[in-house]
C-alpha atoms as a PDB file:
ATOM      1  CA  MET A   1       0.101   0.059  -0.223  1.00  0.00           C
ATOM      2  CA  GLY A   2       1.169   3.408  -0.921  1.00  0.00           C
ATOM      3  CA  SER A   3       1.451   6.252   1.911  1.00  0.00           C
ATOM      4  CA  GLY A   4      -1.560   7.856   0.993  1.00  0.00           C
ATOM      5  CA  SER A   5      -3.761   4.935   1.618  1.00  0.00           C
ATOM      6  CA  THR A   6      -4.970   6.473   4.957  1.00  0.00           C
ATOM      7  CA  ARG A   7      -5.481   9.723   3.512  1.00  0.00           C
ATOM      8  CA  PRO A   8      -9.057  11.055   2.827  1.00  0.00           C
ATOM      9  CA  ASN A   9      -9.147  11.625  -1.128  1.00  0.00           C
ATOM     10  CA  THR A  10     -12.508  12.597  -1.861  1.00  0.00           C
ATOM     11  CA  ALA A  11     -14.700  15.238  -0.726  1.00  0.00           C
ATOM     12  CA  ASP A  12     -16.809  13.058   1.188  1.00  0.00           C
ATOM     13  CA  ASP A  13     -13.972  11.938   2.888  1.00  0.00           C
ATOM     14  CA  LYS A  14     -12.355  14.774   3.703  1.00  0.00           C
ATOM     15  CA  MET A  15     -15.475  16.355   5.288  1.00  0.00           C
ATOM     16  CA  ILE A  16     -16.212  13.110   7.180  1.00  0.00           C
ATOM     17  CA  ALA A  17     -12.674  13.467   8.593  1.00  0.00           C
ATOM     18  CA  ALA A  18     -13.044  17.225   9.449  1.00  0.00           C
ATOM     19  CA  ILE A  19     -16.358  16.212  11.250  1.00  0.00           C
ATOM     20  CA  GLU A  20     -14.331  13.564  13.431  1.00  0.00           C
ATOM     21  CA  ARG A  21     -11.466  16.144  14.326  1.00  0.00           C
ATOM     22  CA  GLY A  22     -14.391  18.272  15.579  1.00  0.00           C
ATOM     23  CA  GLU A  23     -14.390  20.928  13.095  1.00  0.00           C
ATOM     24  CA  GLN A  24     -17.628  22.349  12.717  1.00  0.00           C
ATOM     25  CA  ASP A  25     -17.221  25.306  10.189  1.00  0.00           C
ATOM     26  CA  GLU A  26     -18.811  24.674   7.096  1.00  0.00           C
ATOM     27  CA  PHE A  27     -16.863  22.310   4.860  1.00  0.00           C
ATOM     28  CA  LYS A  28     -15.713  23.844   1.442  1.00  0.00           C
ATOM     29  CA  ASP A  29     -14.378  21.663  -1.232  1.00  0.00           C
ATOM     30  CA  ARG A  30     -11.614  23.216  -3.143  1.00  0.00           C
ATOM     31  CA  LYS A  31     -12.634  22.202  -6.607  1.00  0.00           C
ATOM     32  CA  PRO A  32     -16.710  22.448  -6.440  1.00  0.00           C
ATOM     33  CA  PRO A  33     -18.493  21.755  -9.426  1.00  0.00           C
ATOM     34  CA  LYS A  34     -19.505  24.738 -11.292  1.00  0.00           C
ATOM     35  CA  ASN A  35     -23.376  24.734 -11.689  1.00  0.00           C
ATOM     36  CA  THR A  36     -24.478  27.993 -13.301  1.00  0.00           C
ATOM     37  CA  ASP A  37     -28.016  27.008 -13.765  1.00  0.00           C
ATOM     38  CA  THR A  38     -29.529  29.544 -11.518  1.00  0.00           C
ATOM     39  CA  LYS A  39     -33.152  27.979 -12.201  1.00  0.00           C
ATOM     40  CA  LEU A  40     -32.064  24.648 -11.128  1.00  0.00           C
ATOM     41  CA  ILE A  41     -30.498  26.201  -7.816  1.00  0.00           C
ATOM     42  CA  LYS A  42     -33.405  28.128  -7.220  1.00  0.00           C
ATOM     43  CA  GLU A  43     -35.857  25.241  -7.506  1.00  0.00           C
ATOM     44  CA  LYS A  44     -33.735  23.084  -4.961  1.00  0.00           C
ATOM     45  CA  GLU A  45     -33.604  26.150  -2.461  1.00  0.00           C
ATOM     46  CA  ALA A  46     -37.442  26.176  -3.011  1.00  0.00           C
ATOM     47  CA  ARG A  47     -37.774  22.522  -2.359  1.00  0.00           C
ATOM     48  CA  THR A  48     -35.441  22.526   0.412  1.00  0.00           C
ATOM     49  CA  LYS A  49     -37.462  25.390   1.940  1.00  0.00           C
ATOM     50  CA  LYS A  50     -40.726  23.641   1.752  1.00  0.00           C
ATOM     51  CA  ALA A  51     -39.352  20.425   3.155  1.00  0.00           C
ATOM     52  CA  GLN A  52     -38.284  22.507   5.966  1.00  0.00           C
ATOM     53  CA  GLU A  53     -41.663  24.302   6.532  1.00  0.00           C
ATOM     54  CA  LYS A  54     -43.362  20.686   6.454  1.00  0.00           C
ATOM     55  CA  LYS A  55     -40.753  19.353   9.172  1.00  0.00           C
ATOM     56  CA  GLN A  56     -41.593  22.259  11.320  1.00  0.00           C
ATOM     57  CA  GLY A  57     -45.307  21.874  11.025  1.00  0.00           C
ATOM     58  CA  LEU A  58     -45.189  18.166  11.743  1.00  0.00           C
ATOM     59  CA  ARG A  59     -42.897  19.065  14.495  1.00  0.00           C
ATOM     60  CA  ALA A  60     -45.488  21.417  16.180  1.00  0.00           C
ATOM     61  CA  LEU A  61     -48.527  18.984  15.680  1.00  0.00           C
ATOM     62  CA  ARG A  62     -46.389  16.139  17.470  1.00  0.00           C
ATOM     63  CA  LEU A  63     -45.443  18.511  20.189  1.00  0.00           C
ATOM     64  CA  ALA A  64     -49.011  19.358  20.711  1.00  0.00           C
ATOM     65  CA  ALA A  65     -50.056  15.829  20.705  1.00  0.00           C
ATOM     66  CA  GLU A  66     -47.553  14.868  23.311  1.00  0.00           C
ATOM     67  CA  LYS A  67     -48.782  17.857  25.331  1.00  0.00           C
ATOM     68  CA  GLU A  68     -52.630  16.727  25.141  1.00  0.00           C
ATOM     69  CA  ALA A  69     -51.480  13.355  26.188  1.00  0.00           C
ATOM     70  CA  LYS A  70     -49.840  14.654  29.181  1.00  0.00           C
ATOM     71  CA  ALA A  71     -52.660  16.594  29.986  1.00  0.00           C
ATOM     72  CA  LYS A  72     -55.038  13.806  30.064  1.00  0.00           C
END
């Protein structure tokens, strides 16, 4: 095996290694893929926002149900 066999080589491996070291700041790949399709980026952001809103709504319902169950 070569000397680099234990070093992270992909962006995912590097991100996981950074998390294991306790670095919580945002991971930035040196060579991120260039995606200039702004329409696609905006659609992804909208989907993410919608999913987060749905998640928050479900969480509120769950908390309300737990509160109601405790009251009984």
